[in-house]
Protein backbone atom coordinates (compact mmCIF):
# COMPACT_ATOMS: atom_id res chain seq x y z
CA MET A 1 14.79 6.82 -12.01
CA CYS A 2 17.90 7.56 -10.02
CA GLY A 3 21.43 6.69 -11.03
CA ASN A 4 25.03 7.40 -10.14
CA GLY A 5 25.33 10.43 -12.45
CA VAL A 6 23.13 12.50 -14.68
CA MET A 7 25.19 11.69 -17.74
CA GLU A 8 23.86 8.16 -17.37
CA LEU A 9 20.32 9.46 -17.03
CA LEU A 10 20.09 12.24 -19.59
CA VAL A 11 21.36 12.43 -23.15
CA LYS A 12 21.07 14.63 -26.23
CA LYS A 13 21.42 13.25 -29.76
CA ILE A 14 21.18 14.83 -33.20
CA ILE A 15 19.35 12.95 -35.97
CA ILE A 16 20.36 14.16 -39.45
CA MET A 17 17.63 14.01 -42.11
CA LYS A 18 17.23 14.86 -45.79
CA GLY A 19 14.09 15.61 -47.74
CA GLU A 20 12.38 17.89 -50.20
CA GLY A 21 9.17 19.86 -49.80
CA LYS A 22 7.46 22.44 -47.64
CA LEU A 23 6.91 21.87 -43.94
CA ASP A 24 4.08 23.53 -42.04
CA TYR A 25 5.35 25.80 -39.26
CA ASN A 26 3.00 23.99 -36.88
CA TYR A 27 4.76 20.62 -37.16
CA HIS A 28 5.16 20.01 -33.43
CA TYR A 29 2.15 17.79 -32.73
CA GLU A 30 2.76 15.69 -35.86
CA LEU A 31 6.39 15.20 -34.86
CA MET A 32 5.40 14.16 -31.35
CA LYS A 33 3.12 11.49 -32.84
CA ARG A 34 5.98 10.19 -35.00
CA LEU A 35 8.20 9.89 -31.91
CA TYR A 36 5.54 7.92 -30.04
CA GLU A 37 5.13 5.67 -33.09
CA ALA A 38 8.89 5.04 -33.07
CA LEU A 39 8.76 4.21 -29.36
CA THR A 40 5.83 1.85 -29.95
CA LEU A 41 7.86 -0.06 -32.55
CA THR A 42 10.52 -0.77 -29.94
CA ASP A 43 8.52 -0.98 -26.71
CA ASP A 44 4.74 -0.67 -27.02
CA LYS A 45 4.13 -1.00 -23.26
CA LYS A 46 6.54 1.81 -22.47
CA ALA A 47 4.96 3.95 -25.18
CA LEU A 48 1.47 3.46 -23.76
CA ASN A 49 2.60 4.13 -20.19
CA LEU A 50 4.55 7.24 -21.21
CA HIS A 51 1.64 8.62 -23.23
CA ASP A 52 -1.04 7.92 -20.63
CA LYS A 53 0.87 8.44 -17.37
CA GLY A 54 4.43 9.69 -17.66
CA ILE A 55 6.25 10.41 -14.40
CA SER A 56 4.06 12.00 -11.73
CA VAL A 57 5.49 14.69 -9.42
CA ASP A 58 3.26 16.86 -7.21
CA LYS A 59 0.21 15.87 -9.29
CA LYS A 60 1.98 17.01 -12.48
CA ARG A 61 2.93 14.56 -15.23
CA PHE A 62 6.25 14.68 -17.06
CA LYS A 63 7.31 12.73 -20.14
CA LEU A 64 11.03 13.57 -19.66
CA PHE A 65 11.99 14.20 -23.25
CA ASN A 66 12.34 17.26 -25.44
CA TYR A 67 13.14 18.03 -29.07
CA THR A 68 13.36 20.67 -31.75
CA LEU A 69 14.07 20.86 -35.48
CA CYS A 70 16.96 22.95 -36.80
CA PHE A 71 17.26 23.86 -40.48
CA ASP A 72 20.12 24.87 -42.77
CA LYS A 73 20.53 28.58 -43.43
CA GLU A 74 19.69 27.93 -47.10
CA VAL A 75 16.06 26.91 -46.44
CA LYS A 76 13.32 29.41 -47.32
CA TYR A 77 10.88 30.66 -44.69
CA LEU A 78 7.71 31.37 -46.64
CA ASN A 79 4.31 32.58 -45.45
CA ASP A 80 2.88 29.07 -45.57
CA GLY A 81 5.83 27.00 -44.41
CA ILE A 82 9.52 26.11 -44.48
CA SER A 83 10.70 25.17 -47.98
CA PHE A 84 13.79 23.00 -48.48
CA ASN A 85 15.38 20.75 -51.08
CA LYS A 86 17.31 17.47 -51.07
CA ASP A 87 20.63 19.28 -50.55
CA ASN A 88 19.50 20.76 -47.23
CA SER A 89 20.06 19.00 -43.94
CA ILE A 90 17.42 19.00 -41.23
CA ARG A 91 18.51 18.21 -37.69
CA LEU A 92 16.16 16.64 -35.17
CA ILE A 93 17.69 17.40 -31.78
CA LEU A 94 16.35 14.86 -29.27
CA SER A 95 17.13 14.99 -25.56
CA GLY A 96 15.88 13.53 -22.32
CA ASP A 97 15.84 10.45 -20.15
CA THR A 98 18.10 7.74 -21.58
CA ASP A 99 15.53 4.99 -20.95
CA ILE A 100 13.04 6.89 -23.11
CA LEU A 101 15.34 8.23 -25.81
CA ASN A 102 17.06 4.92 -26.53
CA PRO A 103 13.91 3.07 -27.71
CA ILE A 104 12.66 6.19 -29.56
CA ILE A 105 15.88 6.46 -31.54
CA LYS A 106 15.96 2.70 -32.18
CA GLY A 107 12.44 2.97 -33.58
CA LEU A 108 13.40 5.93 -35.78
CA ILE A 109 16.36 4.01 -37.18
CA THR A 110 14.06 1.07 -37.90
CA LYS A 111 11.57 3.29 -39.72
CA GLN A 112 14.31 5.25 -41.55
CA VAL A 113 11.77 7.94 -42.51
CA ILE A 114 9.81 10.55 -40.57
CA THR A 115 6.72 11.84 -42.38
CA LEU A 116 5.44 15.26 -41.32
CA ASN A 117 2.40 16.79 -43.03
CA GLY A 118 3.03 14.60 -46.07
CA VAL A 119 6.74 15.51 -46.32
CA GLU A 120 9.14 12.56 -46.06
CA LEU A 121 12.37 13.14 -44.16
CA LYS A 122 14.90 10.34 -44.58
CA ILE A 123 17.26 9.65 -41.69
CA THR A 124 20.87 9.67 -42.90
CA ASN A 125 23.00 9.86 -39.76
CA MET A 126 23.14 10.37 -36.00
CA GLU A 127 25.61 12.65 -34.18
CA ASP A 128 26.55 13.29 -30.57
CA ASP A 129 25.84 16.61 -28.94
CA LYS A 130 28.86 18.87 -28.49
CA LYS A 131 30.79 18.41 -25.25
CA PHE A 132 30.96 21.10 -22.58
CA ASN A 133 30.97 21.41 -18.80
CA PHE A 134 27.88 22.58 -16.95
CA LYS A 135 28.64 25.44 -14.58
CA ASN A 136 26.75 27.46 -11.98
CA ILE A 137 25.84 30.19 -14.47
CA MET A 138 24.90 29.24 -18.03
CA LEU A 139 23.81 31.29 -21.01
CA TYR A 140 21.41 29.49 -23.37
CA LYS A 141 19.64 30.31 -26.62
CA VAL A 142 15.91 29.56 -26.59
CA ARG A 143 15.24 27.50 -29.74
CA SER A 144 11.52 26.76 -29.36
CA PRO A 145 8.78 28.65 -27.47
CA ILE A 146 8.78 28.55 -23.68
CA VAL A 147 5.20 28.01 -22.52
CA GLU A 148 3.94 28.74 -19.02
CA THR A 149 0.33 28.97 -17.85
CA ILE A 150 -1.68 29.42 -14.68
CA PHE A 151 -5.35 28.87 -13.91
CA ASN A 152 -7.26 32.12 -13.44
CA GLY A 153 -10.54 30.84 -12.09
CA GLU A 154 -11.63 28.28 -14.67
CA ARG A 155 -9.65 29.93 -17.47
CA ILE A 156 -6.07 29.17 -18.54
CA GLU A 157 -3.91 32.29 -18.62
CA TYR A 158 -0.66 32.31 -20.60
CA LEU A 159 2.25 33.96 -18.81
CA ASN A 160 4.95 36.08 -20.46
CA PRO A 161 8.51 37.22 -19.57
CA CYS A 162 7.24 40.66 -18.47
CA GLN A 163 5.46 38.99 -15.54
CA GLU A 164 7.27 37.99 -12.35
CA ASN A 165 5.25 34.78 -12.02
CA TRP A 166 6.57 33.63 -15.43
CA TYR A 167 9.97 33.18 -13.76
CA SER A 168 8.57 31.49 -10.65
CA ALA A 169 6.59 29.13 -12.90
CA LEU A 170 9.82 28.26 -14.77
CA ALA A 171 11.52 27.52 -11.46
CA ASN A 172 8.70 25.32 -10.15
CA ASN A 173 8.59 23.37 -13.41
CA LEU A 174 12.33 22.71 -13.33
CA LYS A 175 12.22 21.66 -9.67
CA ARG A 176 9.56 19.06 -10.48
CA LYS A 177 11.57 17.75 -13.44
CA TYR A 178 14.60 17.57 -11.15
CA LYS A 179 12.63 15.51 -8.65
CA ALA A 180 11.31 13.24 -11.41
CA VAL A 181 14.87 12.44 -12.54
CA TYR A 182 16.81 12.39 -9.26
CA ASN A 183 14.01 11.39 -6.88
CA GLU A 184 15.02 14.19 -4.51
CA GLU A 185 14.04 17.79 -3.85
CA TYR A 186 16.15 20.59 -5.34
CA GLU A 187 17.72 22.69 -2.57
CA GLY A 188 20.05 24.96 -4.56
CA GLU A 189 19.70 28.45 -6.03
CA LEU A 190 17.63 28.94 -9.17
CA PHE A 191 17.61 32.29 -10.95
CA PHE A 192 16.79 33.44 -14.50
CA ASP A 193 17.69 36.58 -16.41
CA ILE A 194 16.95 37.43 -20.04
CA GLU A 195 20.00 38.91 -21.76
CA ASP A 196 18.07 41.26 -24.08
CA ILE A 197 14.33 41.55 -23.54
CA LEU A 198 13.94 43.26 -26.96
CA ASN A 199 14.80 39.95 -28.66
CA VAL A 200 11.89 38.06 -27.10
CA LYS A 201 9.41 36.92 -29.74
CA LYS A 202 5.86 35.80 -29.05
CA LYS A 203 4.80 32.74 -31.02
CA MET A 204 1.51 30.89 -31.32
CA ILE A 205 1.71 27.16 -32.06
CA ASN A 206 -1.46 25.93 -33.79
CA LYS A 207 -2.71 22.47 -34.73
CA ILE A 208 -2.19 21.04 -31.23
CA LYS A 209 -5.11 18.65 -31.60
CA LYS A 210 -7.91 21.26 -31.83
CA GLY A 211 -6.14 23.90 -29.78
CA PHE A 212 -3.03 26.05 -29.63
CA LEU A 213 -0.15 27.12 -27.38
CA ILE A 214 1.41 30.55 -26.82
CA GLY A 215 5.09 30.83 -25.95
CA TYR A 216 8.18 33.03 -26.20
CA THR A 217 11.33 32.25 -28.16
CA ASP A 218 14.50 33.39 -29.99
CA PHE A 219 16.20 35.06 -27.02
CA GLU A 220 19.16 34.36 -24.75
CA ILE A 221 18.59 33.49 -21.10
CA PHE A 222 20.93 33.20 -18.12
CA VAL A 223 20.21 30.32 -15.74
CA GLN A 224 21.93 30.32 -12.35
CA ALA A 225 21.71 26.91 -10.67
CA THR A 226 23.80 23.91 -9.71
CA PRO A 227 25.37 21.91 -12.56
CA LYS A 228 22.92 19.06 -11.85
CA MET A 229 19.98 21.41 -12.33
CA GLN A 230 21.60 22.92 -15.44
CA LYS A 231 21.58 19.44 -16.98
CA ILE A 232 17.86 19.16 -16.29
CA ALA A 233 17.16 22.50 -17.99
CA TYR A 234 19.38 21.71 -20.97
CA ASN A 235 18.05 18.21 -21.62
CA LEU A 236 14.39 18.51 -20.58
CA GLY A 237 13.69 22.09 -21.67
CA LEU A 238 12.30 25.16 -19.93
CA GLY A 239 8.63 25.44 -19.11
CA GLN A 240 5.63 23.29 -19.93
CA ASN A 241 4.88 21.00 -22.88
CA SER A 242 8.46 19.73 -23.27
CA SER A 243 7.20 16.56 -24.96
CA LEU A 244 5.58 18.78 -27.62
CA GLY A 245 8.97 20.29 -28.40
CA MET A 246 8.49 23.44 -26.33
CA GLY A 247 11.25 25.16 -24.35
CA ALA A 248 14.24 23.62 -26.14
CA ILE A 249 17.51 25.46 -25.49
CA SER A 250 21.07 25.33 -26.82
CA TYR A 251 24.36 26.05 -25.07
CA ILE A 252 26.21 29.34 -25.56
CA LYS A 253 28.61 29.73 -22.61
CA GLY A 254 29.08 28.98 -18.92
CA TRP A 255 30.75 30.59 -15.88
CA ASN A 256 31.53 29.40 -12.35
CA ASN A 257 30.51 32.67 -10.70
CA GLU A 258 29.18 36.16 -11.49
CA GLN A 259 32.63 37.75 -11.35
CA ASP A 260 33.72 35.70 -14.38
CA ILE A 261 30.97 37.05 -16.67
């Protein structure tokens, strides 16, 4: 999966949608299924291989795409879901490996509609991501929960940003994604710092088949790494379950060195 430059390998696109109704907060698994259906329309063999195998690195499997939904400020966040009308725009931000995203987006354009929990969202436009230069130190906003786990005996233990191994787990995950894209080991620095720990919000994502996920979101995080690694973090997300829409981040600002901050 190597190429001459990461801009040829990784891309982020914004799908603009319109609809009316109330969307369950736990839309992530349903949306993932719609994306696989779109991929199947365009390339059913690739869809099956991606779903069943993905890209294997150090006995871990990666699907190499990420996404999140962003809503207009005018939508209403109710106890039982997100309510919106036909005047509101909903943005599906899709990012990842170009070879995967291209057939997914082609399938979405063919379908024209994404149905989530009975709510129809009609695709009206597609936009490019904003342009900026990746630098050695980047500040990102976490848009969807970052999930990290370890095995404690036979039990899965969810990690949190108050634990040192949460940060080492983030680093290991990114290094594997880096290897999956570039087919080489990452040798540079990799450091994380949360801008304001008081802003960290714990979130449980239900309706993941018959289970759930626990992650942390809505905070700003510094990532210190090479520009090539920054592109991995930005396009493939932080932490586990990227293909379920976890760990999506957006750009705030970048610096070449600590003295510039």
